[in-house]
């Protein structure tokens, strides 16, 4: 179970990435963020963001149009 769930369904690039970055900044080390999106660009953009800021993707799941990332704050 994630510490925080961020639902960005219906939002197009770059909004899911910008919203993810904003939420991760507020979080404490070790907390997890579950990002739910339907923006296909996020499959490339979210891992790039997470690697850049030093956090970690624990899991990526796809179910139809929906993509779910589980991200851990470093």
Protein backbone atom coordinates (compact mmCIF):
# COMPACT_ATOMS: atom_id res chain seq x y z
CA UNK A 1 0.00 0.00 0.00
CA UNK A 2 1.40 3.35 -1.07
CA UNK A 3 1.78 6.28 1.33
CA UNK A 4 0.25 8.54 -1.34
CA UNK A 5 -1.81 7.87 -4.48
CA UNK A 6 -1.64 10.34 -7.38
CA UNK A 7 -4.36 9.87 -9.99
CA UNK A 8 -3.53 11.68 -13.25
CA UNK A 9 -6.03 9.85 -15.48
CA UNK A 10 -7.10 12.07 -18.37
CA UNK A 11 -4.11 14.38 -18.01
CA UNK A 12 -1.67 14.57 -20.92
CA UNK A 13 2.07 15.13 -20.99
CA UNK A 14 3.72 16.92 -19.30
CA UNK A 15 1.14 17.10 -16.47
CA UNK A 16 1.62 13.58 -15.00
CA UNK A 17 5.39 14.14 -14.78
CA UNK A 18 5.08 17.64 -13.30
CA UNK A 19 2.51 16.48 -10.76
CA UNK A 20 4.69 13.50 -9.81
CA UNK A 21 7.73 15.72 -9.31
CA UNK A 22 5.71 18.11 -7.10
CA UNK A 23 4.37 15.28 -4.89
CA UNK A 24 7.76 13.57 -4.54
CA UNK A 25 9.29 16.85 -3.31
CA UNK A 26 6.83 16.89 -0.38
CA UNK A 27 7.50 13.28 0.63
CA UNK A 28 9.94 11.87 3.18
CA UNK A 29 12.68 9.35 2.44
CA UNK A 30 11.34 5.79 2.21
CA UNK A 31 7.74 6.81 1.47
CA UNK A 32 6.03 5.44 -1.64
CA UNK A 33 3.95 7.17 -4.29
CA UNK A 34 1.52 5.28 -6.50
CA UNK A 35 1.09 7.15 -9.79
CA UNK A 36 -1.90 6.21 -11.95
CA UNK A 37 -1.94 7.55 -15.50
CA UNK A 38 -3.27 6.81 -18.97
CA UNK A 39 -0.67 8.92 -20.78
CA UNK A 40 1.48 6.55 -22.86
CA UNK A 41 4.34 9.08 -22.82
CA UNK A 42 4.67 8.46 -19.09
CA UNK A 43 6.23 5.05 -19.79
CA UNK A 44 9.32 6.93 -20.94
CA UNK A 45 9.01 10.24 -19.10
CA UNK A 46 8.36 9.02 -15.54
CA UNK A 47 11.40 6.68 -15.38
CA UNK A 48 13.55 9.51 -16.82
CA UNK A 49 12.32 11.89 -14.08
CA UNK A 50 12.75 9.35 -11.29
CA UNK A 51 16.31 8.50 -12.39
CA UNK A 52 17.17 12.20 -12.68
CA UNK A 53 16.03 13.06 -9.15
CA UNK A 54 17.48 9.88 -7.61
CA UNK A 55 14.31 8.12 -6.51
CA UNK A 56 13.40 4.53 -7.42
CA UNK A 57 10.62 2.84 -9.40
CA UNK A 58 9.63 -0.30 -7.50
CA UNK A 59 7.01 -1.50 -9.98
CA UNK A 60 5.35 -0.61 -13.28
CA UNK A 61 2.02 -2.21 -14.21
CA UNK A 62 -0.10 -1.84 -17.32
CA UNK A 63 -3.79 -2.77 -17.43
CA UNK A 64 -5.43 -1.71 -20.66
CA UNK A 65 -4.93 2.03 -21.02
CA UNK A 66 -4.02 2.47 -17.35
CA UNK A 67 -0.38 2.56 -16.24
CA UNK A 68 0.57 2.38 -12.56
CA UNK A 69 4.00 3.26 -11.20
CA UNK A 70 5.07 2.55 -7.63
CA UNK A 71 7.84 5.04 -6.78
CA UNK A 72 9.94 5.12 -3.62
CA UNK A 73 11.39 8.39 -2.36
CA UNK A 74 15.16 8.14 -1.84
